[in-house]
């Protein structure tokens, strides 16, 4: 055993002398050590492989899909398409909540169609109402100007 360790040490020193470790990525930066003390020893390697392969547990994968679908929801102008997407979101949320093996923090509330639609339509309606008020103010201003012009004309006629 000591012979193997000596061989390894010698190879490392030779590589250092040749400068093979000089330009490694992350040189001079602290190592990122992960705390896997909460994972049983027999599962640590498996978890590390899954993490390096960007694999998520099913609960987190579902949660990620739900968030992506919710982000898409705001950009859909058609009410029927929004309704269909909300139904899909609700189905995924139900699946997530039924898994029952996750943290309560992963549980999600269903996005009720009416409330979401009211919010989306409410923002549009507020913008429309504001635009209409602006138009009415312009019309009132024009009418006031016309009335003033008429009054001025009448006043000029009486003086003549």
C-alpha atoms as a PDB file:
ATOM      1  CA  UNK A   1       0.000   0.000   0.000  1.00  0.00           C
ATOM      2  CA  UNK A   2       2.841   2.369   0.869  1.00  0.00           C
ATOM      3  CA  UNK A   3       4.380   1.673  -2.543  1.00  0.00           C
ATOM      4  CA  UNK A   4       1.272   2.904  -4.331  1.00  0.00           C
ATOM      5  CA  UNK A   5       1.115   6.063  -2.222  1.00  0.00           C
ATOM      6  CA  UNK A   6       4.782   6.789  -2.933  1.00  0.00           C
ATOM      7  CA  UNK A   7       4.184   6.318  -6.658  1.00  0.00           C
ATOM      8  CA  UNK A   8       1.189   8.687  -6.546  1.00  0.00           C
ATOM      9  CA  UNK A   9       3.139  11.332  -4.599  1.00  0.00           C
ATOM     10  CA  UNK A  10       6.040  11.100  -7.071  1.00  0.00           C
ATOM     11  CA  UNK A  11       3.703  11.484 -10.087  1.00  0.00           C
ATOM     12  CA  UNK A  12       2.032  14.516  -8.490  1.00  0.00           C
ATOM     13  CA  UNK A  13       5.423  16.189  -7.772  1.00  0.00           C
ATOM     14  CA  UNK A  14       6.597  15.543 -11.342  1.00  0.00           C
ATOM     15  CA  UNK A  15       3.391  17.064 -12.731  1.00  0.00           C
ATOM     16  CA  UNK A  16       3.831  20.104 -10.444  1.00  0.00           C
ATOM     17  CA  UNK A  17       7.410  20.582 -11.649  1.00  0.00           C
ATOM     18  CA  UNK A  18       6.249  20.449 -15.276  1.00  0.00           C
ATOM     19  CA  UNK A  19       3.622  23.116 -14.434  1.00  0.00           C
ATOM     20  CA  UNK A  20       0.629  20.964 -15.291  1.00  0.00           C
ATOM     21  CA  UNK A  21      -1.346  22.380 -12.353  1.00  0.00           C
ATOM     22  CA  UNK A  22      -0.545  26.050 -13.080  1.00  0.00           C
ATOM     23  CA  UNK A  23      -3.463  26.950 -15.377  1.00  0.00           C
ATOM     24  CA  UNK A  24      -6.310  24.903 -13.951  1.00  0.00           C
ATOM     25  CA  UNK A  25      -9.786  26.507 -13.900  1.00  0.00           C
ATOM     26  CA  UNK A  26     -10.618  27.985 -10.509  1.00  0.00           C
ATOM     27  CA  UNK A  27      -6.956  28.449  -9.556  1.00  0.00           C
ATOM     28  CA  UNK A  28      -6.672  30.583  -6.431  1.00  0.00           C
ATOM     29  CA  UNK A  29     -10.367  30.280  -5.638  1.00  0.00           C
ATOM     30  CA  UNK A  30     -11.783  28.348  -2.697  1.00  0.00           C
ATOM     31  CA  UNK A  31     -13.161  24.891  -3.372  1.00  0.00           C
ATOM     32  CA  UNK A  32     -16.920  24.524  -3.347  1.00  0.00           C
ATOM     33  CA  UNK A  33     -17.496  21.889  -0.724  1.00  0.00           C
ATOM     34  CA  UNK A  34     -21.041  20.611  -0.430  1.00  0.00           C
ATOM     35  CA  UNK A  35     -22.532  19.605   2.870  1.00  0.00           C
ATOM     36  CA  UNK A  36     -24.027  16.203   2.228  1.00  0.00           C
ATOM     37  CA  UNK A  37     -24.101  15.185   5.869  1.00  0.00           C
ATOM     38  CA  UNK A  38     -27.907  14.959   5.726  1.00  0.00           C
ATOM     39  CA  UNK A  39     -27.747  12.320   2.990  1.00  0.00           C
ATOM     40  CA  UNK A  40     -27.172   8.693   4.016  1.00  0.00           C
ATOM     41  CA  UNK A  41     -23.689   7.467   3.070  1.00  0.00           C
ATOM     42  CA  UNK A  42     -24.977   4.774   0.719  1.00  0.00           C
ATOM     43  CA  UNK A  43     -26.951   7.399  -1.285  1.00  0.00           C
ATOM     44  CA  UNK A  44     -24.350  10.187  -1.469  1.00  0.00           C
ATOM     45  CA  UNK A  45     -22.728   8.998  -4.692  1.00  0.00           C
ATOM     46  CA  UNK A  46     -26.124   8.489  -6.334  1.00  0.00           C
ATOM     47  CA  UNK A  47     -27.310  11.965  -5.299  1.00  0.00           C
ATOM     48  CA  UNK A  48     -24.100  13.541  -6.560  1.00  0.00           C
ATOM     49  CA  UNK A  49     -24.439  11.808  -9.951  1.00  0.00           C
ATOM     50  CA  UNK A  50     -28.068  12.942 -10.281  1.00  0.00           C
ATOM     51  CA  UNK A  51     -27.161  16.495  -9.269  1.00  0.00           C
ATOM     52  CA  UNK A  52     -24.287  16.654 -11.762  1.00  0.00           C
ATOM     53  CA  UNK A  53     -26.661  15.415 -14.468  1.00  0.00           C
ATOM     54  CA  UNK A  54     -29.103  18.262 -13.613  1.00  0.00           C
ATOM     55  CA  UNK A  55     -31.774  15.779 -12.526  1.00  0.00           C
ATOM     56  CA  UNK A  56     -34.307  17.075 -10.046  1.00  0.00           C
ATOM     57  CA  UNK A  57     -36.571  15.102  -7.744  1.00  0.00           C
ATOM     58  CA  UNK A  58     -40.054  14.702  -9.286  1.00  0.00           C
ATOM     59  CA  UNK A  59     -41.563  17.220  -6.845  1.00  0.00           C
ATOM     60  CA  UNK A  60     -39.117  19.949  -7.786  1.00  0.00           C
ATOM     61  CA  UNK A  61     -39.380  19.165 -11.492  1.00  0.00           C
ATOM     62  CA  UNK A  62     -43.163  19.559 -11.276  1.00  0.00           C
ATOM     63  CA  UNK A  63     -42.811  22.787  -9.292  1.00  0.00           C
ATOM     64  CA  UNK A  64     -40.437  24.115 -11.970  1.00  0.00           C
ATOM     65  CA  UNK A  65     -42.929  23.263 -14.740  1.00  0.00           C
ATOM     66  CA  UNK A  66     -45.721  25.020 -12.818  1.00  0.00           C
ATOM     67  CA  UNK A  67     -43.653  28.206 -12.458  1.00  0.00           C
ATOM     68  CA  UNK A  68     -42.793  28.189 -16.176  1.00  0.00           C
ATOM     69  CA  UNK A  69     -46.456  27.765 -17.107  1.00  0.00           C
ATOM     70  CA  UNK A  70     -47.470  30.587 -14.746  1.00  0.00           C
ATOM     71  CA  UNK A  71     -44.917  32.852 -16.419  1.00  0.00           C
ATOM     72  CA  UNK A  72     -46.360  31.968 -19.837  1.00  0.00           C
ATOM     73  CA  UNK A  73     -49.879  32.761 -18.641  1.00  0.00           C
ATOM     74  CA  UNK A  74     -49.336  36.523 -18.566  1.00  0.00           C
ATOM     75  CA  UNK A  75     -48.329  36.582 -22.244  1.00  0.00           C
ATOM     76  CA  UNK A  76     -51.380  34.775 -23.622  1.00  0.00           C
ATOM     77  CA  UNK A  77     -53.965  37.259 -24.942  1.00  0.00           C
ATOM     78  CA  UNK A  78     -56.703  34.726 -25.818  1.00  0.00           C
ATOM     79  CA  UNK A  79     -59.073  33.986 -22.931  1.00  0.00           C
ATOM     80  CA  UNK A  80     -59.733  30.394 -24.034  1.00  0.00           C
ATOM     81  CA  UNK A  81     -56.025  29.624 -24.264  1.00  0.00           C
ATOM     82  CA  UNK A  82     -55.473  31.121 -20.811  1.00  0.00           C
ATOM     83  CA  UNK A  83     -58.294  28.950 -19.464  1.00  0.00           C
ATOM     84  CA  UNK A  84     -56.717  25.815 -20.967  1.00  0.00           C
ATOM     85  CA  UNK A  85     -53.320  26.680 -19.508  1.00  0.00           C
ATOM     86  CA  UNK A  86     -54.838  27.386 -16.080  1.00  0.00           C
ATOM     87  CA  UNK A  87     -56.509  23.964 -16.171  1.00  0.00           C
ATOM     88  CA  UNK A  88     -53.133  22.364 -16.938  1.00  0.00           C
ATOM     89  CA  UNK A  89     -51.508  24.338 -14.125  1.00  0.00           C
ATOM     90  CA  UNK A  90     -54.227  23.227 -11.698  1.00  0.00           C
ATOM     91  CA  UNK A  91     -53.728  19.603 -12.734  1.00  0.00           C
ATOM     92  CA  UNK A  92     -49.985  19.814 -12.110  1.00  0.00           C
ATOM     93  CA  UNK A  93     -50.570  21.516  -8.761  1.00  0.00           C
ATOM     94  CA  UNK A  94     -52.981  18.729  -7.794  1.00  0.00           C
ATOM     95  CA  UNK A  95     -50.367  16.116  -8.750  1.00  0.00           C
ATOM     96  CA  UNK A  96     -47.759  17.962  -6.726  1.00  0.00           C
ATOM     97  CA  UNK A  97     -49.995  18.147  -3.678  1.00  0.00           C
ATOM     98  CA  UNK A  98     -50.967  14.474  -3.998  1.00  0.00           C
ATOM     99  CA  UNK A  99     -47.363  13.276  -4.010  1.00  0.00           C
ATOM    100  CA  UNK A 100     -47.522  13.775  -0.272  1.00  0.00           C
ATOM    101  CA  UNK A 101     -43.878  13.054   0.309  1.00  0.00           C
ATOM    102  CA  UNK A 102     -42.548  16.521  -0.019  1.00  0.00           C
ATOM    103  CA  UNK A 103     -42.123  19.428   2.264  1.00  0.00           C
ATOM    104  CA  UNK A 104     -45.220  21.505   3.074  1.00  0.00           C
ATOM    105  CA  UNK A 105     -43.261  24.363   1.517  1.00  0.00           C
ATOM    106  CA  UNK A 106     -43.619  22.657  -1.868  1.00  0.00           C
ATOM    107  CA  UNK A 107     -47.413  22.552  -1.664  1.00  0.00           C
ATOM    108  CA  UNK A 108     -49.052  25.024  -3.979  1.00  0.00           C
ATOM    109  CA  UNK A 109     -52.437  26.702  -4.079  1.00  0.00           C
ATOM    110  CA  UNK A 110     -54.489  26.253  -7.199  1.00  0.00           C
ATOM    111  CA  UNK A 111     -54.796  29.244  -9.460  1.00  0.00           C
ATOM    112  CA  UNK A 112     -58.536  29.675  -9.799  1.00  0.00           C
ATOM    113  CA  UNK A 113     -59.606  30.689 -13.259  1.00  0.00           C
ATOM    114  CA  UNK A 114     -61.944  33.478 -12.228  1.00  0.00           C
ATOM    115  CA  UNK A 115     -59.484  35.211  -9.937  1.00  0.00           C
ATOM    116  CA  UNK A 116     -56.627  35.029 -12.409  1.00  0.00           C
ATOM    117  CA  UNK A 117     -58.834  36.149 -15.269  1.00  0.00           C
ATOM    118  CA  UNK A 118     -60.239  39.029 -13.200  1.00  0.00           C
ATOM    119  CA  UNK A 119     -56.740  40.182 -12.393  1.00  0.00           C
ATOM    120  CA  UNK A 120     -55.572  39.995 -16.000  1.00  0.00           C
ATOM    121  CA  UNK A 121     -58.734  41.652 -17.305  1.00  0.00           C
ATOM    122  CA  UNK A 122     -58.671  44.172 -14.465  1.00  0.00           C
ATOM    123  CA  UNK A 123     -55.306  45.490 -15.575  1.00  0.00           C
ATOM    124  CA  UNK A 124     -56.542  45.773 -19.161  1.00  0.00           C
ATOM    125  CA  UNK A 125     -59.814  47.401 -18.066  1.00  0.00           C
ATOM    126  CA  UNK A 126     -57.995  49.963 -15.898  1.00  0.00           C
ATOM    127  CA  UNK A 127     -55.856  50.928 -18.882  1.00  0.00           C
ATOM    128  CA  UNK A 128     -58.920  51.265 -21.113  1.00  0.00           C
ATOM    129  CA  UNK A 129     -60.793  53.375 -18.528  1.00  0.00           C
ATOM    130  CA  UNK A 130     -57.800  55.668 -18.118  1.00  0.00           C
ATOM    131  CA  UNK A 131     -57.595  56.110 -21.887  1.00  0.00           C
ATOM    132  CA  UNK A 132     -61.345  56.858 -22.094  1.00  0.00           C
ATOM    133  CA  UNK A 133     -61.068  59.466 -19.307  1.00  0.00           C
ATOM    134  CA  UNK A 134     -58.263  61.150 -21.218  1.00  0.00           C
ATOM    135  CA  UNK A 135     -60.379  61.271 -24.366  1.00  0.00           C
ATOM    136  CA  UNK A 136     -63.349  62.704 -22.451  1.00  0.00           C
ATOM    137  CA  UNK A 137     -61.159  65.407 -20.930  1.00  0.00           C
ATOM    138  CA  UNK A 138     -59.940  66.329 -24.408  1.00  0.00           C
ATOM    139  CA  UNK A 139     -63.525  66.527 -25.694  1.00  0.00           C
ATOM    140  CA  UNK A 140     -64.597  68.680 -22.750  1.00  0.00           C
ATOM    141  CA  UNK A 141     -61.642  70.972 -23.347  1.00  0.00           C
ATOM    142  CA  UNK A 142     -62.568  71.347 -27.031  1.00  0.00           C
ATOM    143  CA  UNK A 143     -66.200  72.071 -26.158  1.00  0.00           C
ATOM    144  CA  UNK A 144     -65.152  74.733 -23.652  1.00  0.00           C
ATOM    145  CA  UNK A 145     -63.001  76.383 -26.304  1.00  0.00           C
ATOM    146  CA  UNK A 146     -65.918  76.372 -28.768  1.00  0.00           C
ATOM    147  CA  UNK A 147     -68.230  77.900 -26.154  1.00  0.00           C
ATOM    148  CA  UNK A 148     -65.686  80.604 -25.378  1.00  0.00           C
ATOM    149  CA  UNK A 149     -65.304  81.413 -29.078  1.00  0.00           C
ATOM    150  CA  UNK A 150     -69.078  81.668 -29.461  1.00  0.00           C
ATOM    151  CA  UNK A 151     -69.294  83.966 -26.431  1.00  0.00           C
ATOM    152  CA  UNK A 152     -66.532  86.137 -27.824  1.00  0.00           C
ATOM    153  CA  UNK A 153     -68.352  86.386 -31.179  1.00  0.00           C
ATOM    154  CA  UNK A 154     -71.615  87.303 -29.443  1.00  0.00           C
ATOM    155  CA  UNK A 155     -69.828  89.880 -27.325  1.00  0.00           C
ATOM    156  CA  UNK A 156     -68.240  91.435 -30.426  1.00  0.00           C
ATOM    157  CA  UNK A 157     -71.636  91.591 -32.218  1.00  0.00           C
ATOM    158  CA  UNK A 158     -73.316  93.395 -29.331  1.00  0.00           C
ATOM    159  CA  UNK A 159     -70.591  96.027 -29.245  1.00  0.00           C
ATOM    160  CA  UNK A 160     -70.956  96.879 -32.925  1.00  0.00           C
END
